[in-house]
Amino acid sequence: MKILLVEDEPFMMEAMTHVIKNRGNEVFAVSSAEDAKKILAEENIGLVVTDLYLPEPDGYGLVNFVKGNLKTKSIPVIVVTGMVEHKETLSNKIPADEWVFKPFTLQQLTDTIKKYLTIEV
């Protein structure tokens, strides 16, 4: 499966990319919502994993773009964020399919991603 990972923190991007690739998935790792939109236009992405805090446009805009676009609205979106204290407010305003709150283990991320894969993670 092709997974789009959007994360602007280099260490997090490297760790998450490594864990996803090691399970046999193709990863398109980018650090901005603009780059993510380009990948979505060019590739047949099966899952989006994105941070909320990104350079403009931010992750909020990216999730709304994915879910509001006829071509991409069926792609599951997992949001990764450190805003645990705003969990309920965020989940009511942002149409993500899943939420992973920082700090998390890579196993927690893998378990969440596994729900959306058609191959074994």
PDB file of N, CA and C in Angstrom:
ATOM      1  N   MET A   1       0.835  -1.173   0.000  1.00  0.00           N
ATOM      2  CA  MET A   1       0.000   0.000   0.000  1.00  0.00           C
ATOM      3  C   MET A   1       0.884   1.242   0.000  1.00  0.00           C
ATOM      4  N   LYS A   2       0.421   2.272  -0.675  1.00  0.00           N
ATOM      5  CA  LYS A   2       1.131   3.549  -0.692  1.00  0.00           C
ATOM      6  C   LYS A   2       0.586   4.431   0.426  1.00  0.00           C
ATOM      7  N   ILE A   3       1.492   4.834   1.312  1.00  0.00           N
ATOM      8  CA  ILE A   3       1.106   5.659   2.452  1.00  0.00           C
ATOM      9  C   ILE A   3       1.790   7.008   2.332  1.00  0.00           C
ATOM     10  N   LEU A   4       1.009   8.059   2.490  1.00  0.00           N
ATOM     11  CA  LEU A   4       1.531   9.424   2.486  1.00  0.00           C
ATOM     12  C   LEU A   4       1.729   9.848   3.928  1.00  0.00           C
ATOM     13  N   LEU A   5       2.971  10.152   4.284  1.00  0.00           N
ATOM     14  CA  LEU A   5       3.324  10.604   5.626  1.00  0.00           C
ATOM     15  C   LEU A   5       3.696  12.071   5.548  1.00  0.00           C
ATOM     16  N   VAL A   6       3.017  12.899   6.347  1.00  0.00           N
ATOM     17  CA  VAL A   6       3.274  14.336   6.347  1.00  0.00           C
ATOM     18  C   VAL A   6       3.700  14.735   7.752  1.00  0.00           C
ATOM     19  N   GLU A   7       4.974  15.040   7.879  1.00  0.00           N
ATOM     20  CA  GLU A   7       5.562  15.364   9.189  1.00  0.00           C
ATOM     21  C   GLU A   7       6.737  16.304   8.961  1.00  0.00           C
ATOM     22  N   ASP A   8       6.753  17.423   9.669  1.00  0.00           N
ATOM     23  CA  ASP A   8       7.821  18.397   9.460  1.00  0.00           C
ATOM     24  C   ASP A   8       8.975  18.259  10.445  1.00  0.00           C
ATOM     25  N   GLU A   9       8.860  17.386  11.422  1.00  0.00           N
ATOM     26  CA  GLU A   9       9.948  17.167  12.371  1.00  0.00           C
ATOM     27  C   GLU A   9      10.798  16.003  11.856  1.00  0.00           C
ATOM     28  N   PRO A  10      12.055  16.263  11.475  1.00  0.00           N
ATOM     29  CA  PRO A  10      12.879  15.236  10.820  1.00  0.00           C
ATOM     30  C   PRO A  10      13.006  13.917  11.580  1.00  0.00           C
ATOM     31  N   PHE A  11      13.215  13.958  12.885  1.00  0.00           N
ATOM     32  CA  PHE A  11      13.365  12.714  13.638  1.00  0.00           C
ATOM     33  C   PHE A  11      12.081  11.888  13.585  1.00  0.00           C
ATOM     34  N   MET A  12      10.945  12.534  13.791  1.00  0.00           N
ATOM     35  CA  MET A  12       9.657  11.825  13.753  1.00  0.00           C
ATOM     36  C   MET A  12       9.414  11.249  12.362  1.00  0.00           C
ATOM     37  N   MET A  13       9.711  12.042  11.330  1.00  0.00           N
ATOM     38  CA  MET A  13       9.517  11.561   9.960  1.00  0.00           C
ATOM     39  C   MET A  13      10.371  10.321   9.702  1.00  0.00           C
ATOM     40  N   GLU A  14      11.622  10.368  10.107  1.00  0.00           N
ATOM     41  CA  GLU A  14      12.523   9.234   9.888  1.00  0.00           C
ATOM     42  C   GLU A  14      12.040   7.990  10.635  1.00  0.00           C
ATOM     43  N   ALA A  15      11.674   8.152  11.887  1.00  0.00           N
ATOM     44  CA  ALA A  15      11.220   7.008  12.691  1.00  0.00           C
ATOM     45  C   ALA A  15       9.935   6.405  12.123  1.00  0.00           C
ATOM     46  N   MET A  16       8.971   7.242  11.796  1.00  0.00           N
ATOM     47  CA  MET A  16       7.702   6.729  11.275  1.00  0.00           C
ATOM     48  C   MET A  16       7.889   6.112   9.895  1.00  0.00           C
ATOM     49  N   THR A  17       8.707   6.710   9.065  1.00  0.00           N
ATOM     50  CA  THR A  17       8.970   6.151   7.733  1.00  0.00           C
ATOM     51  C   THR A  17       9.597   4.773   7.867  1.00  0.00           C
ATOM     52  N   HIS A  18      10.572   4.653   8.735  1.00  0.00           N
ATOM     53  CA  HIS A  18      11.262   3.376   8.947  1.00  0.00           C
ATOM     54  C   HIS A  18      10.290   2.282   9.373  1.00  0.00           C
ATOM     55  N   VAL A  19       9.453   2.581  10.331  1.00  0.00           N
ATOM     56  CA  VAL A  19       8.508   1.588  10.851  1.00  0.00           C
ATOM     57  C   VAL A  19       7.499   1.173   9.781  1.00  0.00           C
ATOM     58  N   ILE A  20       7.023   2.117   8.988  1.00  0.00           N
ATOM     59  CA  ILE A  20       6.022   1.804   7.957  1.00  0.00           C
ATOM     60  C   ILE A  20       6.661   1.017   6.816  1.00  0.00           C
ATOM     61  N   LYS A  21       7.840   1.432   6.374  1.00  0.00           N
ATOM     62  CA  LYS A  21       8.528   0.727   5.281  1.00  0.00           C
ATOM     63  C   LYS A  21       8.902  -0.691   5.667  1.00  0.00           C
ATOM     64  N   ASN A  22       9.299  -0.881   6.903  1.00  0.00           N
ATOM     65  CA  ASN A  22       9.703  -2.217   7.349  1.00  0.00           C
ATOM     66  C   ASN A  22       8.552  -3.208   7.350  1.00  0.00           C
ATOM     67  N   ARG A  23       7.357  -2.733   7.216  1.00  0.00           N
ATOM     68  CA  ARG A  23       6.189  -3.611   7.148  1.00  0.00           C
ATOM     69  C   ARG A  23       5.730  -3.808   5.707  1.00  0.00           C
ATOM     70  N   GLY A  24       6.579  -3.412   4.755  1.00  0.00           N
ATOM     71  CA  GLY A  24       6.295  -3.687   3.352  1.00  0.00           C
ATOM     72  C   GLY A  24       5.451  -2.667   2.625  1.00  0.00           C
ATOM     73  N   ASN A  25       5.340  -1.472   3.157  1.00  0.00           N
ATOM     74  CA  ASN A  25       4.542  -0.435   2.510  1.00  0.00           C
ATOM     75  C   ASN A  25       5.446   0.583   1.828  1.00  0.00           C
ATOM     76  N   GLU A  26       4.921   1.198   0.793  1.00  0.00           N
ATOM     77  CA  GLU A  26       5.640   2.277   0.121  1.00  0.00           C
ATOM     78  C   GLU A  26       5.259   3.584   0.817  1.00  0.00           C
ATOM     79  N   VAL A  27       6.255   4.373   1.186  1.00  0.00           N
ATOM     80  CA  VAL A  27       6.002   5.610   1.925  1.00  0.00           C
ATOM     81  C   VAL A  27       6.446   6.812   1.103  1.00  0.00           C
ATOM     82  N   PHE A  28       5.555   7.775   1.001  1.00  0.00           N
ATOM     83  CA  PHE A  28       5.876   9.070   0.429  1.00  0.00           C
ATOM     84  C   PHE A  28       5.925  10.031   1.608  1.00  0.00           C
ATOM     85  N   ALA A  29       7.122  10.393   2.044  1.00  0.00           N
ATOM     86  CA  ALA A  29       7.292  11.252   3.218  1.00  0.00           C
ATOM     87  C   ALA A  29       7.592  12.671   2.770  1.00  0.00           C
ATOM     88  N   VAL A  30       6.737  13.598   3.194  1.00  0.00           N
ATOM     89  CA  VAL A  30       6.901  15.017   2.868  1.00  0.00           C
ATOM     90  C   VAL A  30       6.722  15.837   4.135  1.00  0.00           C
ATOM     91  N   SER A  31       7.201  17.080   4.086  1.00  0.00           N
ATOM     92  CA  SER A  31       7.158  17.918   5.287  1.00  0.00           C
ATOM     93  C   SER A  31       6.162  19.066   5.209  1.00  0.00           C
ATOM     94  N   SER A  32       5.367  19.125   4.144  1.00  0.00           N
ATOM     95  CA  SER A  32       4.391  20.217   4.044  1.00  0.00           C
ATOM     96  C   SER A  32       3.091  19.735   3.408  1.00  0.00           C
ATOM     97  N   ALA A  33       2.018  20.450   3.696  1.00  0.00           N
ATOM     98  CA  ALA A  33       0.715  20.128   3.115  1.00  0.00           C
ATOM     99  C   ALA A  33       0.726  20.361   1.610  1.00  0.00           C
ATOM    100  N   GLU A  34       1.457  21.367   1.159  1.00  0.00           N
ATOM    101  CA  GLU A  34       1.542  21.636  -0.281  1.00  0.00           C
ATOM    102  C   GLU A  34       2.170  20.457  -1.011  1.00  0.00           C
ATOM    103  N   ASP A  35       3.264  19.923  -0.472  1.00  0.00           N
ATOM    104  CA  ASP A  35       3.893  18.753  -1.084  1.00  0.00           C
ATOM    105  C   ASP A  35       2.967  17.544  -1.020  1.00  0.00           C
ATOM    106  N   ALA A  36       2.230  17.424   0.059  1.00  0.00           N
ATOM    107  CA  ALA A  36       1.276  16.318   0.206  1.00  0.00           C
ATOM    108  C   ALA A  36       0.201  16.388  -0.879  1.00  0.00           C
ATOM    109  N   LYS A  37      -0.296  17.568  -1.160  1.00  0.00           N
ATOM    110  CA  LYS A  37      -1.323  17.729  -2.197  1.00  0.00           C
ATOM    111  C   LYS A  37      -0.788  17.316  -3.557  1.00  0.00           C
ATOM    112  N   LYS A  38       0.477  17.594  -3.832  1.00  0.00           N
ATOM    113  CA  LYS A  38       1.089  17.183  -5.106  1.00  0.00           C
ATOM    114  C   LYS A  38       1.151  15.661  -5.203  1.00  0.00           C
ATOM    115  N   ILE A  39       1.545  15.017  -4.114  1.00  0.00           N
ATOM    116  CA  ILE A  39       1.609  13.551  -4.101  1.00  0.00           C
ATOM    117  C   ILE A  39       0.208  12.967  -4.288  1.00  0.00           C
ATOM    118  N   LEU A  40      -0.776  13.532  -3.630  1.00  0.00           N
ATOM    119  CA  LEU A  40      -2.151  13.047  -3.755  1.00  0.00           C
ATOM    120  C   LEU A  40      -2.653  13.154  -5.195  1.00  0.00           C
ATOM    121  N   ALA A  41      -2.199  14.167  -5.915  1.00  0.00           N
ATOM    122  CA  ALA A  41      -2.615  14.350  -7.305  1.00  0.00           C
ATOM    123  C   ALA A  41      -1.912  13.362  -8.244  1.00  0.00           C
ATOM    124  N   GLU A  42      -0.711  12.918  -7.858  1.00  0.00           N
ATOM    125  CA  GLU A  42       0.108  12.088  -8.747  1.00  0.00           C
ATOM    126  C   GLU A  42       0.062  10.592  -8.447  1.00  0.00           C
ATOM    127  N   GLU A  43      -0.210  10.218  -7.216  1.00  0.00           N
ATOM    128  CA  GLU A  43      -0.107   8.820  -6.796  1.00  0.00           C
ATOM    129  C   GLU A  43      -1.458   8.280  -6.313  1.00  0.00           C
ATOM    130  N   ASN A  44      -1.567   6.972  -6.325  1.00  0.00           N
ATOM    131  CA  ASN A  44      -2.765   6.312  -5.812  1.00  0.00           C
ATOM    132  C   ASN A  44      -2.511   5.979  -4.337  1.00  0.00           C
ATOM    133  N   ILE A  45      -2.721   6.955  -3.485  1.00  0.00           N
ATOM    134  CA  ILE A  45      -2.443   6.841  -2.052  1.00  0.00           C
ATOM    135  C   ILE A  45      -3.582   6.084  -1.369  1.00  0.00           C
ATOM    136  N   GLY A  46      -3.208   5.161  -0.473  1.00  0.00           N
ATOM    137  CA  GLY A  46      -4.208   4.377   0.249  1.00  0.00           C
ATOM    138  C   GLY A  46      -4.455   4.837   1.664  1.00  0.00           C
ATOM    139  N   LEU A  47      -3.531   5.658   2.208  1.00  0.00           N
ATOM    140  CA  LEU A  47      -3.647   6.113   3.590  1.00  0.00           C
ATOM    141  C   LEU A  47      -2.798   7.370   3.759  1.00  0.00           C
ATOM    142  N   VAL A  48      -3.322   8.327   4.515  1.00  0.00           N
ATOM    143  CA  VAL A  48      -2.575   9.547   4.849  1.00  0.00           C
ATOM    144  C   VAL A  48      -2.361   9.565   6.357  1.00  0.00           C
ATOM    145  N   VAL A  49      -1.113   9.790   6.768  1.00  0.00           N
ATOM    146  CA  VAL A  49      -0.761   9.990   8.176  1.00  0.00           C
ATOM    147  C   VAL A  49      -0.157  11.382   8.249  1.00  0.00           C
ATOM    148  N   THR A  50      -0.780  12.265   9.020  1.00  0.00           N
ATOM    149  CA  THR A  50      -0.308  13.651   9.042  1.00  0.00           C
ATOM    150  C   THR A  50      -0.273  14.238  10.443  1.00  0.00           C
ATOM    151  N   ASP A  51       0.702  15.075  10.643  1.00  0.00           N
ATOM    152  CA  ASP A  51       0.767  15.910  11.840  1.00  0.00           C
ATOM    153  C   ASP A  51      -0.179  17.083  11.607  1.00  0.00           C
ATOM    154  N   LEU A  52      -0.655  17.705  12.678  1.00  0.00           N
ATOM    155  CA  LEU A  52      -1.491  18.897  12.517  1.00  0.00           C
ATOM    156  C   LEU A  52      -0.663  20.160  12.359  1.00  0.00           C
ATOM    157  N   TYR A  53       0.448  20.227  13.076  1.00  0.00           N
ATOM    158  CA  TYR A  53       1.271  21.437  13.031  1.00  0.00           C
ATOM    159  C   TYR A  53       2.305  21.327  11.933  1.00  0.00           C
ATOM    160  N   LEU A  54       1.987  21.939  10.809  1.00  0.00           N
ATOM    161  CA  LEU A  54       2.840  21.949   9.628  1.00  0.00           C
ATOM    162  C   LEU A  54       2.991  23.388   9.162  1.00  0.00           C
ATOM    163  N   PRO A  55       3.983  23.619   8.301  1.00  0.00           N
ATOM    164  CA  PRO A  55       4.053  24.950   7.678  1.00  0.00           C
ATOM    165  C   PRO A  55       2.761  25.202   6.895  1.00  0.00           C
ATOM    166  N   GLU A  56       2.403  26.444   6.725  1.00  0.00           N
ATOM    167  CA  GLU A  56       1.158  26.799   6.025  1.00  0.00           C
ATOM    168  C   GLU A  56       1.124  26.227   4.621  1.00  0.00           C
ATOM    169  N   PRO A  57       0.007  25.713   4.148  1.00  0.00           N
ATOM    170  CA  PRO A  57      -1.178  25.419   4.948  1.00  0.00           C
ATOM    171  C   PRO A  57      -0.892  24.271   5.909  1.00  0.00           C
ATOM    172  N   ASP A  58      -1.556  24.298   7.032  1.00  0.00           N
ATOM    173  CA  ASP A  58      -1.255  23.338   8.093  1.00  0.00           C
ATOM    174  C   ASP A  58      -2.001  22.014   7.903  1.00  0.00           C
ATOM    175  N   GLY A  59      -1.830  21.140   8.870  1.00  0.00           N
ATOM    176  CA  GLY A  59      -2.472  19.830   8.823  1.00  0.00           C
ATOM    177  C   GLY A  59      -3.990  19.893   8.855  1.00  0.00           C
ATOM    178  N   TYR A  60      -4.537  20.910   9.509  1.00  0.00           N
ATOM    179  CA  TYR A  60      -5.996  21.079   9.524  1.00  0.00           C
ATOM    180  C   TYR A  60      -6.487  21.224   8.087  1.00  0.00           C
ATOM    181  N   GLY A  61      -5.821  22.120   7.365  1.00  0.00           N
ATOM    182  CA  GLY A  61      -6.196  22.364   5.974  1.00  0.00           C
ATOM    183  C   GLY A  61      -6.011  21.133   5.108  1.00  0.00           C
ATOM    184  N   LEU A  62      -4.959  20.369   5.378  1.00  0.00           N
ATOM    185  CA  LEU A  62      -4.711  19.165   4.594  1.00  0.00           C
ATOM    186  C   LEU A  62      -5.813  18.129   4.808  1.00  0.00           C
ATOM    187  N   VAL A  63      -6.189  17.894   6.048  1.00  0.00           N
ATOM    188  CA  VAL A  63      -7.254  16.918   6.320  1.00  0.00           C
ATOM    189  C   VAL A  63      -8.550  17.365   5.651  1.00  0.00           C
ATOM    190  N   ASN A  64      -8.880  18.633   5.775  1.00  0.00           N
ATOM    191  CA  ASN A  64     -10.099  19.147   5.144  1.00  0.00           C
ATOM    192  C   ASN A  64     -10.013  19.043   3.625  1.00  0.00           C
ATOM    193  N   PHE A  65      -8.827  19.251   3.059  1.00  0.00           N
ATOM    194  CA  PHE A  65      -8.633  19.097   1.617  1.00  0.00           C
ATOM    195  C   PHE A  65      -8.883  17.649   1.200  1.00  0.00           C
ATOM    196  N   VAL A  66      -8.266  16.708   1.906  1.00  0.00           N
ATOM    197  CA  VAL A  66      -8.428  15.290   1.557  1.00  0.00           C
ATOM    198  C   VAL A  66      -9.891  14.881   1.650  1.00  0.00           C
ATOM    199  N   LYS A  67     -10.546  15.219   2.740  1.00  0.00           N
ATOM    200  CA  LYS A  67     -11.921  14.786   2.960  1.00  0.00           C
ATOM    201  C   LYS A  67     -12.943  15.580   2.149  1.00  0.00           C
ATOM    202  N   GLY A  68     -12.546  16.749   1.655  1.00  0.00           N
ATOM    203  CA  GLY A  68     -13.461  17.569   0.872  1.00  0.00           C
ATOM    204  C   GLY A  68     -13.297  17.426  -0.628  1.00  0.00           C
ATOM    205  N   ASN A  69     -12.335  16.620  -1.064  1.00  0.00           N
ATOM    206  CA  ASN A  69     -12.036  16.454  -2.477  1.00  0.00           C
ATOM    207  C   ASN A  69     -12.662  15.151  -2.962  1.00  0.00           C
ATOM    208  N   LEU A  70     -13.403  15.207  -4.042  1.00  0.00           N
ATOM    209  CA  LEU A  70     -14.100  14.032  -4.562  1.00  0.00           C
ATOM    210  C   LEU A  70     -13.146  12.879  -4.843  1.00  0.00           C
ATOM    211  N   LYS A  71     -11.952  13.172  -5.355  1.00  0.00           N
ATOM    212  CA  LYS A  71     -10.977  12.135  -5.709  1.00  0.00           C
ATOM    213  C   LYS A  71     -10.354  11.472  -4.477  1.00  0.00           C
ATOM    214  N   THR A  72     -10.229  12.208  -3.373  1.00  0.00           N
ATOM    215  CA  THR A  72      -9.480  11.695  -2.221  1.00  0.00           C
ATOM    216  C   THR A  72     -10.313  11.465  -0.961  1.00  0.00           C
ATOM    217  N   LYS A  73     -11.584  11.795  -0.990  1.00  0.00           N
ATOM    218  CA  LYS A  73     -12.374  11.766   0.254  1.00  0.00           C
ATOM    219  C   LYS A  73     -12.490  10.393   0.900  1.00  0.00           C
ATOM    220  N   SER A  74     -12.290   9.328   0.123  1.00  0.00           N
ATOM    221  CA  SER A  74     -12.385   7.989   0.701  1.00  0.00           C
ATOM    222  C   SER A  74     -11.066   7.497   1.292  1.00  0.00           C
ATOM    223  N   ILE A  75      -9.992   8.271   1.142  1.00  0.00           N
ATOM    224  CA  ILE A  75      -8.705   7.885   1.707  1.00  0.00           C
ATOM    225  C   ILE A  75      -8.751   8.090   3.224  1.00  0.00           C
ATOM    226  N   PRO A  76      -8.452   7.052   3.995  1.00  0.00           N
ATOM    227  CA  PRO A  76      -8.412   7.231   5.448  1.00  0.00           C
ATOM    228  C   PRO A  76      -7.291   8.184   5.850  1.00  0.00           C
ATOM    229  N   VAL A  77      -7.555   8.989   6.873  1.00  0.00           N
ATOM    230  CA  VAL A  77      -6.577   9.946   7.383  1.00  0.00           C
ATOM    231  C   VAL A  77      -6.367   9.704   8.870  1.00  0.00           C
ATOM    232  N   ILE A  78      -5.106   9.495   9.232  1.00  0.00           N
ATOM    233  CA  ILE A  78      -4.718   9.380  10.638  1.00  0.00           C
ATOM    234  C   ILE A  78      -3.980  10.651  11.010  1.00  0.00           C
ATOM    235  N   VAL A  79      -4.462  11.331  12.038  1.00  0.00           N
ATOM    236  CA  VAL A  79      -3.824  12.553  12.513  1.00  0.00           C
ATOM    237  C   VAL A  79      -2.962  12.228  13.723  1.00  0.00           C
ATOM    238  N   VAL A  80      -1.735  12.728  13.689  1.00  0.00           N
ATOM    239  CA  VAL A  80      -0.800  12.593  14.797  1.00  0.00           C
ATOM    240  C   VAL A  80      -0.619  13.987  15.390  1.00  0.00           C
ATOM    241  N   THR A  81      -0.875  14.117  16.693  1.00  0.00           N
ATOM    242  CA  THR A  81      -0.773  15.434  17.315  1.00  0.00           C
ATOM    243  C   THR A  81      -0.427  15.321  18.796  1.00  0.00           C
ATOM    244  N   GLY A  82       0.129  16.382  19.312  1.00  0.00           N
ATOM    245  CA  GLY A  82       0.436  16.459  20.726  1.00  0.00           C
ATOM    246  C   GLY A  82      -0.633  17.197  21.518  1.00  0.00           C
ATOM    247  N   MET A  83      -1.699  17.587  20.862  1.00  0.00           N
ATOM    248  CA  MET A  83      -2.742  18.386  21.519  1.00  0.00           C
ATOM    249  C   MET A  83      -3.771  17.514  22.231  1.00  0.00           C
ATOM    250  N   VAL A  84      -3.328  16.718  23.160  1.00  0.00           N
ATOM    251  CA  VAL A  84      -4.198  15.804  23.890  1.00  0.00           C
ATOM    252  C   VAL A  84      -5.297  16.556  24.637  1.00  0.00           C
ATOM    253  N   GLU A  85      -4.965  17.708  25.194  1.00  0.00           N
ATOM    254  CA  GLU A  85      -5.946  18.459  25.973  1.00  0.00           C
ATOM    255  C   GLU A  85      -7.102  18.990  25.136  1.00  0.00           C
ATOM    256  N   HIS A  86      -6.932  19.002  23.813  1.00  0.00           N
ATOM    257  CA  HIS A  86      -8.000  19.491  22.927  1.00  0.00           C
ATOM    258  C   HIS A  86      -8.609  18.361  22.096  1.00  0.00           C
ATOM    259  N   LYS A  87      -8.462  17.149  22.558  1.00  0.00           N
ATOM    260  CA  LYS A  87      -8.874  15.961  21.815  1.00  0.00           C
ATOM    261  C   LYS A  87     -10.321  16.032  21.322  1.00  0.00           C
ATOM    262  N   GLU A  88     -11.243  16.317  22.208  1.00  0.00           N
ATOM    263  CA  GLU A  88     -12.656  16.312  21.810  1.00  0.00           C
ATOM    264  C   GLU A  88     -12.982  17.455  20.866  1.00  0.00           C
ATOM    265  N   THR A  89     -12.444  18.629  21.126  1.00  0.00           N
ATOM    266  CA  THR A  89     -12.681  19.771  20.245  1.00  0.00           C
ATOM    267  C   THR A  89     -12.140  19.495  18.856  1.00  0.00           C
ATOM    268  N   LEU A  90     -10.926  18.972  18.788  1.00  0.00           N
ATOM    269  CA  LEU A  90     -10.305  18.684  17.495  1.00  0.00           C
ATOM    270  C   LEU A  90     -11.080  17.624  16.731  1.00  0.00           C
ATOM    271  N   SER A  91     -11.453  16.549  17.405  1.00  0.00           N
ATOM    272  CA  SER A  91     -12.135  15.456  16.714  1.00  0.00           C
ATOM    273  C   SER A  91     -13.508  15.883  16.194  1.00  0.00           C
ATOM    274  N   ASN A  92     -14.106  16.904  16.793  1.00  0.00           N
ATOM    275  CA  ASN A  92     -15.384  17.418  16.293  1.00  0.00           C
ATOM    276  C   ASN A  92     -15.216  18.362  15.114  1.00  0.00           C
ATOM    277  N   LYS A  93     -14.033  18.968  14.975  1.00  0.00           N
ATOM    278  CA  LYS A  93     -13.807  19.966  13.922  1.00  0.00           C
ATOM    279  C   LYS A  93     -13.020  19.440  12.727  1.00  0.00           C
ATOM    280  N   ILE A  94     -12.297  18.353  12.926  1.00  0.00           N
ATOM    281  CA  ILE A  94     -11.429  17.840  11.868  1.00  0.00           C
ATOM    282  C   ILE A  94     -11.877  16.425  11.515  1.00  0.00           C
ATOM    283  N   PRO A  95     -12.204  16.195  10.243  1.00  0.00           N
ATOM    284  CA  PRO A  95     -12.789  14.906   9.846  1.00  0.00           C
ATOM    285  C   PRO A  95     -11.777  13.776   9.644  1.00  0.00           C
ATOM    286  N   ALA A  96     -10.905  13.576  10.608  1.00  0.00           N
ATOM    287  CA  ALA A  96      -9.931  12.486  10.521  1.00  0.00           C
ATOM    288  C   ALA A  96     -10.607  11.163  10.874  1.00  0.00           C
ATOM    289  N   ASP A  97     -10.035  10.082  10.365  1.00  0.00           N
ATOM    290  CA  ASP A  97     -10.569   8.751  10.661  1.00  0.00           C
ATOM    291  C   ASP A  97     -10.031   8.207  11.978  1.00  0.00           C
ATOM    292  N   GLU A  98      -8.802   8.584  12.314  1.00  0.00           N
ATOM    293  CA  GLU A  98      -8.157   8.127  13.552  1.00  0.00           C
ATOM    294  C   GLU A  98      -7.272   9.235  14.101  1.00  0.00           C
ATOM    295  N   TRP A  99      -7.015   9.136  15.400  1.00  0.00           N
ATOM    296  CA  TRP A  99      -6.136  10.085  16.087  1.00  0.00           C
ATOM    297  C   TRP A  99      -5.089   9.314  16.865  1.00  0.00           C
ATOM    298  N   VAL A 100      -3.841   9.767  16.765  1.00  0.00           N
ATOM    299  CA  VAL A 100      -2.755   9.217  17.570  1.00  0.00           C
ATOM    300  C   VAL A 100      -2.143  10.402  18.298  1.00  0.00           C
ATOM    301  N   PHE A 101      -2.181  10.352  19.622  1.00  0.00           N
ATOM    302  CA  PHE A 101      -1.721  11.493  20.410  1.00  0.00           C
ATOM    303  C   PHE A 101      -0.312  11.274  20.934  1.00  0.00           C
ATOM    304  N   LYS A 102       0.498  12.302  20.777  1.00  0.00           N
ATOM    305  CA  LYS A 102       1.886  12.294  21.265  1.00  0.00           C
ATOM    306  C   LYS A 102       1.892  12.517  22.763  1.00  0.00           C
ATOM    307  N   PRO A 103       2.784  11.901  23.464  1.00  0.00           N
ATOM    308  CA  PRO A 103       3.776  10.945  22.973  1.00  0.00           C
ATOM    309  C   PRO A 103       3.124   9.586  22.738  1.00  0.00           C
ATOM    310  N   PHE A 104       3.593   8.899  21.718  1.00  0.00           N
ATOM    311  CA  PHE A 104       3.087   7.565  21.408  1.00  0.00           C
ATOM    312  C   PHE A 104       4.278   6.663  21.102  1.00  0.00           C
ATOM    313  N   THR A 105       4.039   5.374  21.170  1.00  0.00           N
ATOM    314  CA  THR A 105       5.082   4.428  20.781  1.00  0.00           C
ATOM    315  C   THR A 105       4.896   4.118  19.296  1.00  0.00           C
ATOM    316  N   LEU A 106       5.960   3.681  18.669  1.00  0.00           N
ATOM    317  CA  LEU A 106       5.845   3.301  17.266  1.00  0.00           C
ATOM    318  C   LEU A 106       4.903   2.115  17.104  1.00  0.00           C
ATOM    319  N   GLN A 107       4.794   1.277  18.135  1.00  0.00           N
ATOM    320  CA  GLN A 107       3.843   0.162  18.091  1.00  0.00           C
ATOM    321  C   GLN A 107       2.400   0.683  18.067  1.00  0.00           C
ATOM    322  N   GLN A 108       2.120   1.731  18.844  1.00  0.00           N
ATOM    323  CA  GLN A 108       0.776   2.315  18.824  1.00  0.00           C
ATOM    324  C   GLN A 108       0.448   2.849  17.428  1.00  0.00           C
ATOM    325  N   LEU A 109       1.418   3.499  16.816  1.00  0.00           N
ATOM    326  CA  LEU A 109       1.206   4.018  15.455  1.00  0.00           C
ATOM    327  C   LEU A 109       0.978   2.861  14.486  1.00  0.00           C
ATOM    328  N   THR A 110       1.803   1.831  14.582  1.00  0.00           N
ATOM    329  CA  THR A 110       1.673   0.670  13.704  1.00  0.00           C
ATOM    330  C   THR A 110       0.315   0.003  13.878  1.00  0.00           C
ATOM    331  N   ASP A 111      -0.137  -0.153  15.111  1.00  0.00           N
ATOM    332  CA  ASP A 111      -1.441  -0.763  15.367  1.00  0.00           C
ATOM    333  C   ASP A 111      -2.569   0.056  14.758  1.00  0.00           C
ATOM    334  N   THR A 112      -2.457   1.366  14.802  1.00  0.00           N
ATOM    335  CA  THR A 112      -3.482   2.236  14.213  1.00  0.00           C
ATOM    336  C   THR A 112      -3.462   2.129  12.696  1.00  0.00           C
ATOM    337  N   ILE A 113      -2.284   2.154  12.116  1.00  0.00           N
ATOM    338  CA  ILE A 113      -2.161   2.038  10.663  1.00  0.00           C
ATOM    339  C   ILE A 113      -2.674   0.688  10.182  1.00  0.00           C
ATOM    340  N   LYS A 114      -2.402  -0.349  10.936  1.00  0.00           N
ATOM    341  CA  LYS A 114      -2.779  -1.714  10.557  1.00  0.00           C
ATOM    342  C   LYS A 114      -4.277  -1.826  10.270  1.00  0.00           C
ATOM    343  N   LYS A 115      -5.087  -1.054  10.951  1.00  0.00           N
ATOM    344  CA  LYS A 115      -6.537  -1.097  10.745  1.00  0.00           C
ATOM    345  C   LYS A 115      -6.941  -0.778   9.315  1.00  0.00           C
ATOM    346  N   TYR A 116      -6.079  -0.028   8.614  1.00  0.00           N
ATOM    347  CA  TYR A 116      -6.429   0.465   7.281  1.00  0.00           C
ATOM    348  C   TYR A 116      -5.686  -0.212   6.148  1.00  0.00           C
ATOM    349  N   LEU A 117      -4.838  -1.157   6.474  1.00  0.00           N
ATOM    350  CA  LEU A 117      -4.039  -1.812   5.447  1.00  0.00           C
ATOM    351  C   LEU A 117      -4.706  -3.078   4.951  1.00  0.00           C
ATOM    352  N   THR A 118      -4.480  -3.358   3.688  1.00  0.00           N
ATOM    353  CA  THR A 118      -4.988  -4.593   3.114  1.00  0.00           C
ATOM    354  C   THR A 118      -3.937  -5.687   3.175  1.00  0.00           C
ATOM    355  N   ILE A 119      -2.723  -5.308   3.631  1.00  0.00           N
ATOM    356  CA  ILE A 119      -1.664  -6.295   3.806  1.00  0.00           C
ATOM    357  C   ILE A 119      -1.257  -6.307   5.273  1.00  0.00           C
ATOM    358  N   GLU A 120      -0.623  -7.358   5.693  1.00  0.00           N
ATOM    359  CA  GLU A 120      -0.196  -7.501   7.082  1.00  0.00           C
ATOM    360  C   GLU A 120       0.878  -6.483   7.439  1.00  0.00           C
ATOM    361  N   VAL A 121       0.697  -5.789   8.566  1.00  0.00           N
ATOM    362  CA  VAL A 121       1.714  -4.854   9.055  1.00  0.00           C
ATOM    363  C   VAL A 121       2.466  -5.515  10.176  1.00  0.00           C
TER     364      VAL A 121
END
